[in-house]
Amino acid sequence: MAAGDSAEPGEVAAPDSGRVPEPPPPGALGGNGVNGEADSSTAAETTVVTVASVADGGPPTSPSPPPDDGKLPAQRARRAYSNVDPITFQRLPGSLLGASALVTGTTVGAGVLAMPAVTASSGWAPSSAALVGVWALAAIEALLLAETAVNTQCALGRPSAVSILSMARATLGDAGAAATSAAYALKHLSVLTAYMAQGGTILAEAASRALGGSGLVTPAVGAPIFAVTLGAALYWASDATVAAVNNALVVGTIACFGGLVATTSSHYVPGTLGAGAHWGLVIPDALPVLLVSLVYHNVVPFVVSYLEGDRFKIRVAILGGSALPLLLFVVWNAVILGNSDVQATAAVAAAADTAGPLFDPVAMLRNSGGATGGLVTGFSLLAVITSVVGVVSGMVDFVNDGFLSASVLTNEQVRRYAWAAYIVTLLPPTALAVAAPDIFFGAVRVAGVFGVSILFGILPCAMAWRLRYGGGDVLPPAYPPLVPGGRALLGAMMVGPAALVVSEVLRNVGELLHSS
């Protein structure tokens, strides 16, 4: 919030204690010693350390007591702290465009490949409305996560982003941290299993076409090839190389999508998109996959730190960065479900009324040959690869943190045996993909219902609740809420994910009892 501004709707200003709060020491707000920029003379008096005085070689400016206006330090500044180069002491402001692009790139993943198959039963209009609703809920959860992240970083005095595990431990205690760890591991194991299975399937299809229909490379063989190739590349390549290659692959993904829209336009029948709408099938069939498709929350703590806790920039990066994938997903669903060839094949599959595997329009187009088949194959493979890069990197850090927390390895051993974390990360999902090559849709569903719903649905609300209303036994509030609504909104936001988890458990139990 800019200095001198009144509290925004839903923001809670600190109570007027009747005394002047002491300014925090340099670095206590999570940056490297610089408080927020001032928009007025009032804010100028609250600057903890000025960049210019340090950069010019002079001593840091002595902090002046802030006015007794009852506001939190973050409410008087445009940002919560500043990122400063430790060598030159120059401020390193984060790029709003770069943060938005990170959110966009993280959101566009392999979940989009499962979307047409699970939304075909409900239709394009109901699934598009559900996409918009899930996007809005995901944005609120991300802003709650951002609020907790900046408060945790400020309270702990961290110069860099904090992990979701650290946030849970600081607000929910050890029990909350344990629940977060379990949800994190389940979500990432499920997603990686889906990626390994889909990557192996795409490689097997490509090999079959290249070898004239030979079944030499099956999905069960393709999965370990895919895992070993990507794992080795991520292990041996530098971070800069991985980032550069991943950026190029994202561009390639977008190019394939654009080409796909152009080449399939002659087979596009838009008039059929409004027909066959079954609103009641959206939640049971499509919702878990939509949740996975619109997840980017694992990068929110980094975005918060990168943007120095700037409230305006954080909101723009999250809302704007996730809006572009939303538009892409709506168009993608229209292109696939409105394809005349897909509609004809789907009608044949529906008429057969067999209990076989779920009809997959994307797989059908991948194997259709010609430019369309090549573009769908390229888009599918690039979407999986770009998703795997981020998920594997995050899971490797999680595994290494587990090694250190459990005193299994020391810091030196973690660096020396870095390959061990990659094996622990990739071996279980690859084994599951080999054992069940058709596990893709099931793994995505598990990730959405039990992973995303808990990790990025229930827990952000619970952490924000404890942060705002937990009293003195949690973090001191140094940053005002990013989302208005108070207890009513937080409570309502937790009901939906919890209901989805319970309904899925009951569904699985019912199917188990019916089959026994």
Protein backbone atom coordinates (compact mmCIF):
# COMPACT_ATOMS: atom_id res chain seq x y z
CA MET A 1 0.00 0.00 0.00
CA ALA A 2 1.32 3.42 -0.81
CA ALA A 3 2.37 5.63 2.04
CA GLY A 4 -0.34 7.77 3.45
CA ASP A 5 -3.10 5.76 1.76
CA SER A 6 -6.10 4.59 3.72
CA ALA A 7 -6.68 0.89 4.17
CA GLU A 8 -8.13 -0.85 1.15
CA PRO A 9 -11.42 -2.74 1.46
CA GLY A 10 -10.89 -5.83 3.57
CA GLU A 11 -7.54 -4.71 4.92
CA VAL A 12 -7.01 -4.66 8.65
CA ALA A 13 -4.90 -1.88 10.05
CA ALA A 14 -2.96 -2.45 13.22
CA PRO A 15 -4.69 -1.21 16.37
CA ASP A 16 -3.52 2.10 17.76
CA SER A 17 -1.50 1.05 20.75
CA GLY A 18 -0.85 4.61 21.82
CA ARG A 19 2.90 4.35 21.31
CA VAL A 20 5.27 4.71 18.41
CA PRO A 21 6.31 1.30 17.07
CA GLU A 22 10.03 0.75 16.82
CA PRO A 23 11.36 0.49 13.27
CA PRO A 24 12.68 -2.94 12.30
CA PRO A 25 16.44 -3.41 11.95
CA PRO A 26 17.94 -3.67 8.46
CA GLY A 27 17.01 -6.98 6.91
CA ALA A 28 14.29 -7.81 9.42
CA LEU A 29 11.61 -7.46 6.78
CA GLY A 30 13.00 -10.30 4.76
CA GLY A 31 15.01 -8.31 2.24
CA ASN A 32 18.61 -7.23 2.48
CA GLY A 33 18.17 -4.11 4.50
CA VAL A 34 15.97 -1.69 2.55
CA ASN A 35 12.39 -0.89 3.39
CA GLY A 36 9.78 0.20 0.89
CA GLU A 37 9.89 3.17 -1.43
CA ALA A 38 8.06 6.23 -0.23
CA ASP A 39 5.32 7.95 -2.15
CA SER A 40 5.12 10.88 0.26
CA SER A 41 7.05 12.74 2.90
CA THR A 42 5.47 10.54 5.54
CA ALA A 43 6.81 7.36 3.96
CA ALA A 44 10.20 8.95 3.42
CA GLU A 45 10.60 9.16 7.19
CA THR A 46 10.04 5.42 7.54
CA THR A 47 12.86 4.28 5.27
CA VAL A 48 15.12 1.94 7.21
CA VAL A 49 18.14 2.13 4.94
CA THR A 50 18.42 4.16 1.77
CA VAL A 51 20.01 2.52 -1.23
CA ALA A 52 21.75 5.69 -2.35
CA SER A 53 23.59 6.29 0.92
CA VAL A 54 24.99 2.76 0.99
CA ALA A 55 25.79 2.65 -2.72
CA ASP A 56 27.68 5.96 -2.46
CA GLY A 57 29.87 4.51 0.23
CA GLY A 58 28.38 6.50 3.09
CA PRO A 59 26.93 5.10 6.29
CA PRO A 60 23.34 3.92 6.31
CA THR A 61 20.80 6.60 7.06
CA SER A 62 19.63 6.47 10.66
CA PRO A 63 16.02 5.34 10.86
CA SER A 64 13.47 7.91 11.93
CA PRO A 65 10.53 6.89 14.12
CA PRO A 66 7.38 6.44 12.04
CA PRO A 67 4.34 8.57 12.85
CA ASP A 68 1.84 7.27 15.36
CA ASP A 69 -0.83 6.50 12.75
CA GLY A 70 -1.65 2.95 13.82
CA LYS A 71 -0.46 1.43 10.53
CA LEU A 72 1.74 -1.60 10.02
CA PRO A 73 5.18 -0.94 8.43
CA ALA A 74 4.08 -2.65 5.20
CA GLN A 75 1.05 -0.34 5.01
CA ARG A 76 3.23 2.77 4.86
CA ALA A 77 5.41 1.46 2.05
CA ARG A 78 4.85 0.50 -1.54
CA ARG A 79 6.63 -2.78 -0.90
CA ALA A 80 7.48 -4.84 2.17
CA TYR A 81 11.25 -4.90 1.63
CA SER A 82 13.87 -4.54 -1.08
CA ASN A 83 16.15 -7.07 -2.71
CA VAL A 84 19.71 -5.73 -2.66
CA ASP A 85 22.85 -7.04 -4.32
CA PRO A 86 25.14 -8.15 -1.46
CA ILE A 87 28.22 -6.88 -3.29
CA THR A 88 27.17 -3.57 -4.80
CA PHE A 89 24.26 -2.83 -2.42
CA GLN A 90 22.22 -1.80 -5.43
CA ARG A 91 18.52 -2.58 -5.36
CA LEU A 92 17.40 -5.50 -7.55
CA PRO A 93 13.73 -4.84 -8.33
CA GLY A 94 11.83 -7.77 -9.77
CA SER A 95 10.26 -7.56 -13.20
CA LEU A 96 6.46 -7.62 -13.21
CA LEU A 97 6.51 -9.04 -16.73
CA GLY A 98 8.97 -11.75 -15.70
CA ALA A 99 6.87 -12.72 -12.67
CA SER A 100 3.71 -12.85 -14.79
CA ALA A 101 5.48 -15.00 -17.40
CA LEU A 102 6.61 -17.39 -14.66
CA VAL A 103 3.02 -17.84 -13.51
CA THR A 104 1.89 -18.36 -17.11
CA GLY A 105 4.61 -20.89 -17.92
CA THR A 106 3.96 -22.86 -14.73
CA THR A 107 0.21 -23.03 -15.39
CA VAL A 108 0.50 -24.35 -18.96
CA GLY A 109 1.27 -28.01 -18.27
CA ALA A 110 0.32 -31.52 -19.15
CA GLY A 111 -3.04 -31.23 -17.40
CA VAL A 112 -4.31 -29.58 -20.56
CA LEU A 113 -3.82 -32.89 -22.40
CA ALA A 114 -6.38 -34.62 -20.18
CA MET A 115 -8.90 -31.79 -20.37
CA PRO A 116 -10.75 -32.64 -23.63
CA ALA A 117 -11.28 -36.25 -22.60
CA VAL A 118 -12.85 -35.42 -19.23
CA THR A 119 -14.89 -32.42 -20.46
CA ALA A 120 -16.41 -34.16 -23.50
CA SER A 121 -19.18 -35.67 -21.39
CA SER A 122 -20.33 -32.32 -19.99
CA GLY A 123 -19.73 -30.27 -23.14
CA TRP A 124 -17.78 -27.15 -24.01
CA ALA A 125 -20.06 -24.52 -22.44
CA PRO A 126 -20.34 -26.16 -18.96
CA SER A 127 -16.64 -27.02 -18.87
CA SER A 128 -15.67 -23.48 -19.92
CA ALA A 129 -17.84 -22.02 -17.15
CA ALA A 130 -16.20 -24.43 -14.72
CA LEU A 131 -12.76 -23.35 -15.95
CA VAL A 132 -13.55 -19.71 -15.19
CA GLY A 133 -14.84 -20.64 -11.73
CA VAL A 134 -11.79 -22.76 -10.92
CA TRP A 135 -9.53 -19.96 -12.16
CA ALA A 136 -11.18 -17.46 -9.80
CA LEU A 137 -10.91 -19.81 -6.81
CA ALA A 138 -7.30 -20.64 -7.68
CA ALA A 139 -6.45 -16.91 -7.86
CA ILE A 140 -7.93 -16.29 -4.39
CA GLU A 141 -5.99 -19.25 -2.97
CA ALA A 142 -2.80 -17.93 -4.60
CA LEU A 143 -3.29 -14.47 -3.07
CA LEU A 144 -3.86 -16.04 0.36
CA LEU A 145 -0.68 -18.03 -0.14
CA ALA A 146 1.16 -14.84 -1.12
CA GLU A 147 -0.08 -13.08 2.02
CA THR A 148 1.22 -15.88 4.21
CA ALA A 149 4.50 -16.07 2.27
CA VAL A 150 5.43 -12.41 2.74
CA ASN A 151 4.47 -12.48 6.43
CA THR A 152 6.55 -15.61 6.98
CA GLN A 153 9.52 -14.14 5.12
CA CYS A 154 9.30 -10.90 7.10
CA ALA A 155 8.97 -12.68 10.45
CA LEU A 156 11.85 -15.08 9.79
CA GLY A 157 14.07 -12.39 8.25
CA ARG A 158 14.75 -14.53 5.20
CA PRO A 159 16.55 -12.81 2.30
CA SER A 160 14.93 -15.17 -0.20
CA ALA A 161 11.65 -16.99 -0.77
CA VAL A 162 10.34 -19.31 1.92
CA SER A 163 9.00 -22.77 1.20
CA ILE A 164 5.38 -23.81 1.65
CA LEU A 165 6.60 -26.19 4.35
CA SER A 166 8.17 -23.30 6.29
CA MET A 167 4.95 -21.31 5.95
CA ALA A 168 2.89 -24.21 7.29
CA ARG A 169 5.23 -24.79 10.22
CA ALA A 170 5.23 -21.09 11.14
CA THR A 171 1.42 -20.79 11.10
CA LEU A 172 0.03 -24.29 11.75
CA GLY A 173 2.83 -25.85 13.79
CA ASP A 174 4.41 -29.26 13.38
CA ALA A 175 1.08 -30.98 12.68
CA GLY A 176 0.37 -28.55 9.85
CA ALA A 177 3.87 -29.03 8.47
CA ALA A 178 3.40 -32.81 8.49
CA ALA A 179 0.07 -32.51 6.65
CA THR A 180 1.66 -30.16 4.13
CA SER A 181 4.54 -32.56 3.52
CA ALA A 182 2.16 -35.46 2.95
CA ALA A 183 -0.03 -33.45 0.55
CA TYR A 184 3.03 -32.11 -1.29
CA ALA A 185 4.51 -35.58 -1.75
CA LEU A 186 1.18 -37.08 -2.88
CA LYS A 187 0.47 -34.28 -5.34
CA HIS A 188 3.91 -34.40 -6.94
CA LEU A 189 4.07 -38.21 -7.01
CA SER A 190 0.69 -38.34 -8.75
CA VAL A 191 1.58 -35.63 -11.24
CA LEU A 192 4.97 -37.16 -12.05
CA THR A 193 3.33 -40.57 -12.52
CA ALA A 194 0.92 -39.00 -15.01
CA TYR A 195 3.80 -37.26 -16.81
CA MET A 196 5.91 -40.42 -17.03
CA ALA A 197 2.97 -42.41 -18.35
CA GLN A 198 2.03 -39.76 -20.91
CA GLY A 199 5.64 -39.19 -21.96
CA GLY A 200 6.10 -42.92 -22.46
CA THR A 201 2.89 -43.15 -24.47
CA ILE A 202 3.88 -40.26 -26.76
CA LEU A 203 7.33 -41.76 -27.36
CA ALA A 204 5.78 -45.17 -28.11
CA GLU A 205 3.34 -43.61 -30.61
CA ALA A 206 6.13 -41.68 -32.32
CA ALA A 207 8.34 -44.78 -32.51
CA SER A 208 5.49 -46.82 -33.95
CA ARG A 209 4.93 -44.28 -36.73
CA ALA A 210 8.66 -44.01 -37.44
CA LEU A 211 9.10 -47.80 -37.57
CA GLY A 212 6.07 -48.45 -39.76
CA GLY A 213 3.72 -49.68 -37.08
CA SER A 214 6.24 -51.77 -35.18
CA GLY A 215 5.39 -52.33 -31.52
CA LEU A 216 9.03 -52.47 -30.48
CA VAL A 217 8.68 -49.47 -28.17
CA THR A 218 5.63 -49.85 -25.93
CA PRO A 219 4.41 -47.25 -23.40
CA ALA A 220 5.91 -49.39 -20.64
CA VAL A 221 9.29 -49.13 -22.39
CA GLY A 222 8.87 -45.48 -23.33
CA ALA A 223 8.25 -44.36 -19.73
CA PRO A 224 11.72 -45.28 -18.37
CA ILE A 225 13.38 -43.90 -21.52
CA PHE A 226 11.54 -40.64 -21.01
CA ALA A 227 12.41 -40.53 -17.29
CA VAL A 228 16.11 -41.37 -17.69
CA THR A 229 16.58 -38.89 -20.54
CA LEU A 230 14.96 -35.97 -18.72
CA GLY A 231 16.46 -36.86 -15.33
CA ALA A 232 19.98 -37.03 -16.74
CA ALA A 233 19.53 -33.74 -18.58
CA LEU A 234 18.29 -31.96 -15.46
CA TYR A 235 21.07 -33.46 -13.33
CA TRP A 236 23.97 -32.61 -15.61
CA ALA A 237 22.87 -29.27 -17.06
CA SER A 238 23.40 -25.99 -15.24
CA ASP A 239 20.47 -23.96 -13.94
CA ALA A 240 21.08 -21.33 -16.62
CA THR A 241 21.06 -23.94 -19.37
CA VAL A 242 17.88 -25.56 -18.04
CA ALA A 243 16.17 -22.16 -17.86
CA ALA A 244 17.23 -21.19 -21.39
CA VAL A 245 16.15 -24.52 -22.89
CA ASN A 246 12.87 -24.49 -20.97
CA ASN A 247 12.08 -20.96 -22.21
CA ALA A 248 12.71 -22.11 -25.78
CA LEU A 249 10.44 -25.12 -25.27
CA VAL A 250 7.67 -22.88 -23.93
CA VAL A 251 7.92 -20.80 -27.10
CA GLY A 252 7.76 -24.02 -29.11
CA THR A 253 4.67 -25.10 -27.18
CA ILE A 254 2.89 -21.86 -28.01
CA ALA A 255 3.97 -22.13 -31.66
CA CYS A 256 2.59 -25.67 -31.91
CA PHE A 257 -0.67 -24.52 -30.38
CA GLY A 258 -0.98 -21.67 -32.85
CA GLY A 259 -0.23 -24.00 -35.75
CA LEU A 260 -2.76 -26.51 -34.46
CA VAL A 261 -5.51 -23.90 -34.34
CA ALA A 262 -4.70 -22.86 -37.92
CA THR A 263 -4.52 -26.38 -39.40
CA THR A 264 -7.69 -27.68 -37.75
CA SER A 265 -9.83 -24.67 -38.64
CA SER A 266 -11.22 -26.45 -41.73
CA HIS A 267 -12.51 -29.29 -39.52
CA TYR A 268 -13.91 -26.97 -36.87
CA VAL A 269 -17.70 -27.02 -36.37
CA PRO A 270 -18.43 -24.25 -33.85
CA GLY A 271 -22.19 -24.72 -33.97
CA THR A 272 -21.88 -28.05 -32.15
CA LEU A 273 -20.16 -26.60 -29.09
CA GLY A 274 -23.40 -25.41 -27.57
CA ALA A 275 -25.13 -28.74 -28.06
CA GLY A 276 -25.06 -31.64 -25.66
CA ALA A 277 -24.49 -29.58 -22.53
CA HIS A 278 -24.67 -31.69 -19.37
CA TRP A 279 -24.00 -29.37 -16.42
CA GLY A 280 -24.37 -32.11 -13.84
CA LEU A 281 -21.35 -34.01 -15.19
CA VAL A 282 -18.82 -31.18 -14.78
CA ILE A 283 -17.93 -31.78 -11.14
CA PRO A 284 -17.65 -35.59 -11.08
CA ASP A 285 -15.95 -35.91 -14.47
CA ALA A 286 -13.91 -32.76 -15.08
CA LEU A 287 -13.29 -30.83 -11.86
CA PRO A 288 -10.24 -32.80 -10.61
CA VAL A 289 -8.45 -32.34 -13.95
CA LEU A 290 -9.36 -28.64 -14.11
CA LEU A 291 -7.82 -28.18 -10.66
CA VAL A 292 -4.54 -29.72 -11.84
CA SER A 293 -4.58 -27.71 -15.07
CA LEU A 294 -4.80 -24.35 -13.26
CA VAL A 295 -2.14 -24.94 -10.61
CA TYR A 296 0.80 -22.52 -10.40
CA HIS A 297 0.84 -22.02 -6.64
CA ASN A 298 4.20 -23.64 -6.04
CA VAL A 299 5.91 -20.56 -7.56
CA VAL A 300 3.90 -18.01 -5.53
CA PRO A 301 6.46 -17.73 -2.68
CA PHE A 302 9.20 -17.00 -5.23
CA VAL A 303 7.01 -14.43 -7.01
CA VAL A 304 6.35 -12.70 -3.69
CA SER A 305 10.06 -12.50 -2.87
CA TYR A 306 11.01 -11.56 -6.42
CA LEU A 307 8.51 -8.65 -6.42
CA GLU A 308 9.64 -7.50 -2.94
CA GLY A 309 6.21 -7.95 -1.40
CA ASP A 310 4.73 -5.23 -3.62
CA ARG A 311 0.97 -5.68 -3.22
CA PHE A 312 -0.01 -4.21 -6.58
CA LYS A 313 2.59 -6.18 -8.54
CA ILE A 314 1.75 -9.43 -6.76
CA ARG A 315 -1.92 -9.08 -7.65
CA VAL A 316 -1.17 -8.23 -11.28
CA ALA A 317 1.32 -11.10 -11.67
CA ILE A 318 -1.08 -13.68 -10.22
CA LEU A 319 -4.28 -12.49 -11.88
CA GLY A 320 -2.75 -11.51 -15.20
CA GLY A 321 -0.27 -14.36 -15.40
CA SER A 322 -2.98 -16.97 -14.87
CA ALA A 323 -5.58 -15.30 -17.11
CA LEU A 324 -3.63 -16.06 -20.30
CA PRO A 325 -3.58 -19.84 -19.70
CA LEU A 326 -7.29 -19.66 -18.90
CA LEU A 327 -7.95 -18.18 -22.33
CA LEU A 328 -5.67 -20.75 -23.95
CA PHE A 329 -7.49 -23.64 -22.22
CA VAL A 330 -10.92 -22.40 -23.32
CA VAL A 331 -9.72 -22.10 -26.93
CA TRP A 332 -7.94 -25.47 -26.73
CA ASN A 333 -11.10 -27.20 -25.56
CA ALA A 334 -13.10 -25.56 -28.34
CA VAL A 335 -10.56 -26.60 -31.00
CA ILE A 336 -10.54 -30.24 -29.86
CA LEU A 337 -14.21 -30.74 -28.96
CA GLY A 338 -15.38 -28.81 -32.02
CA ASN A 339 -13.33 -30.93 -34.42
CA SER A 340 -15.59 -32.88 -36.78
CA ASP A 341 -13.31 -35.93 -36.80
CA VAL A 342 -13.29 -36.00 -32.99
CA GLN A 343 -17.08 -35.70 -32.89
CA ALA A 344 -17.54 -38.57 -35.34
CA THR A 345 -15.21 -40.88 -33.42
CA ALA A 346 -16.77 -39.89 -30.10
CA ALA A 347 -20.22 -40.73 -31.46
CA VAL A 348 -19.03 -44.19 -32.50
CA ALA A 349 -17.47 -44.76 -29.07
CA ALA A 350 -20.66 -43.62 -27.33
CA ALA A 351 -22.81 -45.89 -29.51
CA ALA A 352 -20.63 -48.88 -28.65
CA ASP A 353 -21.28 -48.16 -24.94
CA THR A 354 -18.42 -50.35 -23.82
CA ALA A 355 -16.61 -50.29 -20.50
CA GLY A 356 -13.29 -49.73 -22.20
CA PRO A 357 -10.81 -46.94 -21.53
CA LEU A 358 -11.88 -43.30 -21.62
CA PHE A 359 -12.05 -41.90 -25.16
CA ASP A 360 -9.09 -39.53 -25.56
CA PRO A 361 -9.58 -36.96 -28.36
CA VAL A 362 -5.99 -35.70 -28.05
CA ALA A 363 -4.57 -39.21 -28.54
CA MET A 364 -6.86 -39.69 -31.53
CA LEU A 365 -5.55 -36.50 -33.17
CA ARG A 366 -1.94 -37.42 -32.36
CA ASN A 367 -2.35 -40.61 -34.36
CA SER A 368 -4.33 -39.00 -37.20
CA GLY A 369 -1.19 -38.32 -39.25
CA GLY A 370 -0.39 -35.31 -41.39
CA ALA A 371 0.24 -31.81 -40.07
CA THR A 372 -2.44 -32.09 -37.41
CA GLY A 373 -0.97 -35.27 -35.95
CA GLY A 374 2.52 -33.80 -35.92
CA LEU A 375 1.42 -30.57 -34.26
CA VAL A 376 -0.64 -32.32 -31.60
CA THR A 377 2.28 -34.67 -30.90
CA GLY A 378 4.69 -31.75 -30.65
CA PHE A 379 2.36 -29.77 -28.39
CA SER A 380 1.74 -32.80 -26.16
CA LEU A 381 5.40 -33.69 -25.77
CA LEU A 382 6.53 -30.11 -25.15
CA ALA A 383 3.74 -29.55 -22.62
CA VAL A 384 4.84 -32.63 -20.69
CA ILE A 385 8.55 -31.74 -20.79
CA THR A 386 8.09 -28.14 -19.66
CA SER A 387 5.88 -29.33 -16.81
CA VAL A 388 8.30 -32.05 -15.72
CA VAL A 389 11.18 -29.56 -15.43
CA GLY A 390 9.45 -27.51 -12.73
CA VAL A 391 7.93 -30.46 -10.88
CA VAL A 392 11.17 -32.46 -10.75
CA SER A 393 13.18 -29.44 -9.60
CA GLY A 394 10.72 -28.74 -6.79
CA MET A 395 10.54 -32.39 -5.75
CA VAL A 396 14.34 -32.74 -5.70
CA ASP A 397 14.55 -29.77 -3.32
CA PHE A 398 11.81 -31.34 -1.19
CA VAL A 399 13.66 -34.67 -1.02
CA ASN A 400 16.95 -32.98 -0.14
CA ASP A 401 15.20 -31.01 2.59
CA GLY A 402 13.82 -34.30 3.91
CA PHE A 403 17.31 -35.82 3.91
CA LEU A 404 18.59 -32.88 5.95
CA SER A 405 15.62 -32.69 8.32
CA ALA A 406 15.83 -36.40 9.09
CA SER A 407 19.63 -36.18 9.46
CA VAL A 408 20.02 -38.85 6.81
CA LEU A 409 22.58 -36.75 4.95
CA THR A 410 24.66 -33.69 5.80
CA ASN A 411 24.82 -30.59 3.62
CA GLU A 412 28.08 -31.79 2.11
CA GLN A 413 26.65 -35.24 1.41
CA VAL A 414 23.55 -33.72 -0.22
CA ARG A 415 25.83 -31.88 -2.65
CA ARG A 416 28.04 -34.92 -3.21
CA TYR A 417 25.18 -37.37 -3.73
CA ALA A 418 22.84 -35.06 -5.61
CA TRP A 419 21.93 -37.93 -7.92
CA ALA A 420 20.22 -39.71 -4.99
CA ALA A 421 17.46 -37.10 -4.84
CA TYR A 422 16.79 -37.54 -8.56
CA ILE A 423 16.48 -41.31 -8.14
CA VAL A 424 14.11 -40.94 -5.18
CA THR A 425 12.08 -38.42 -7.19
CA LEU A 426 11.82 -40.29 -10.49
CA LEU A 427 11.95 -44.00 -9.62
CA PRO A 428 8.53 -44.42 -7.92
CA PRO A 429 6.44 -42.60 -10.59
CA THR A 430 8.34 -44.34 -13.38
CA ALA A 431 7.72 -47.74 -11.78
CA LEU A 432 4.01 -46.96 -11.51
CA ALA A 433 3.92 -45.84 -15.16
CA VAL A 434 5.61 -49.08 -16.25
CA ALA A 435 3.26 -51.22 -14.18
CA ALA A 436 0.15 -49.37 -15.43
CA PRO A 437 0.82 -47.54 -18.72
CA ASP A 438 -2.79 -46.32 -18.89
CA ILE A 439 -2.59 -44.66 -15.47
CA PHE A 440 -2.47 -41.11 -16.87
CA PHE A 441 -6.08 -40.06 -16.25
CA GLY A 442 -6.28 -41.82 -12.88
CA ALA A 443 -3.06 -40.19 -11.67
CA VAL A 444 -4.24 -36.74 -12.75
CA ARG A 445 -7.52 -37.30 -10.90
CA VAL A 446 -5.72 -38.31 -7.69
CA ALA A 447 -3.46 -35.27 -7.98
CA GLY A 448 -6.45 -32.96 -8.34
CA VAL A 449 -8.68 -34.41 -5.64
CA PHE A 450 -6.19 -35.26 -2.91
CA GLY A 451 -3.11 -33.24 -3.82
CA VAL A 452 -4.28 -29.88 -5.15
CA SER A 453 -7.47 -29.71 -3.05
CA ILE A 454 -5.53 -30.13 0.19
CA LEU A 455 -2.21 -28.47 -0.60
CA PHE A 456 -3.51 -25.45 -2.54
CA GLY A 457 -7.16 -25.46 -1.44
CA ILE A 458 -7.53 -26.12 2.28
CA LEU A 459 -4.06 -25.30 3.60
CA PRO A 460 -3.70 -21.72 2.22
CA CYS A 461 -7.02 -20.80 3.87
CA ALA A 462 -6.01 -22.46 7.14
CA MET A 463 -2.64 -20.68 7.16
CA ALA A 464 -4.23 -17.30 6.41
CA TRP A 465 -6.84 -17.90 9.14
CA ARG A 466 -4.18 -18.66 11.75
CA LEU A 467 -2.09 -15.73 10.58
CA ARG A 468 -4.96 -13.24 10.81
CA TYR A 469 -6.86 -14.56 13.83
CA GLY A 470 -4.46 -16.89 15.64
CA GLY A 471 -3.39 -14.43 18.30
CA GLY A 472 0.09 -14.20 19.78
CA ASP A 473 1.04 -17.84 19.27
CA VAL A 474 1.62 -17.38 15.53
CA LEU A 475 3.50 -14.92 13.33
CA PRO A 476 3.08 -11.23 14.16
CA PRO A 477 1.06 -9.66 11.31
CA ALA A 478 3.43 -7.41 9.36
CA TYR A 479 1.50 -7.34 6.10
CA PRO A 480 -2.18 -6.54 5.53
CA PRO A 481 -4.54 -9.03 3.85
CA LEU A 482 -4.41 -9.36 0.07
CA VAL A 483 -7.94 -10.77 -0.09
CA PRO A 484 -10.99 -9.16 1.55
CA GLY A 485 -13.81 -11.14 3.09
CA GLY A 486 -12.54 -12.10 6.52
CA ARG A 487 -13.56 -15.31 8.28
CA ALA A 488 -16.61 -15.87 6.08
CA LEU A 489 -14.56 -16.09 2.89
CA LEU A 490 -11.84 -18.27 4.41
CA GLY A 491 -14.40 -20.68 5.83
CA ALA A 492 -16.32 -20.90 2.56
CA MET A 493 -13.10 -21.43 0.59
CA MET A 494 -12.23 -24.47 2.73
CA VAL A 495 -15.65 -26.11 2.37
CA GLY A 496 -15.41 -26.80 -1.37
CA PRO A 497 -12.05 -28.66 -1.42
CA ALA A 498 -12.99 -30.58 1.73
CA ALA A 499 -16.31 -31.66 0.17
CA LEU A 500 -14.49 -32.79 -2.98
CA VAL A 501 -12.09 -34.94 -0.95
CA VAL A 502 -14.90 -36.51 1.08
CA SER A 503 -17.03 -37.21 -2.00
CA GLU A 504 -14.10 -38.88 -3.77
CA VAL A 505 -13.38 -41.08 -0.76
CA LEU A 506 -17.04 -42.12 -0.60
CA ARG A 507 -17.07 -42.80 -4.35
CA ASN A 508 -13.99 -45.00 -4.13
CA VAL A 509 -15.38 -46.87 -1.13
CA GLY A 510 -18.67 -47.41 -2.96
CA GLU A 511 -16.91 -48.77 -6.03
CA LEU A 512 -14.80 -51.06 -3.86
CA LEU A 513 -17.86 -52.45 -2.07
CA HIS A 514 -19.73 -52.86 -5.36
CA SER A 515 -16.88 -54.83 -6.93
CA SER A 516 -16.39 -57.13 -3.93
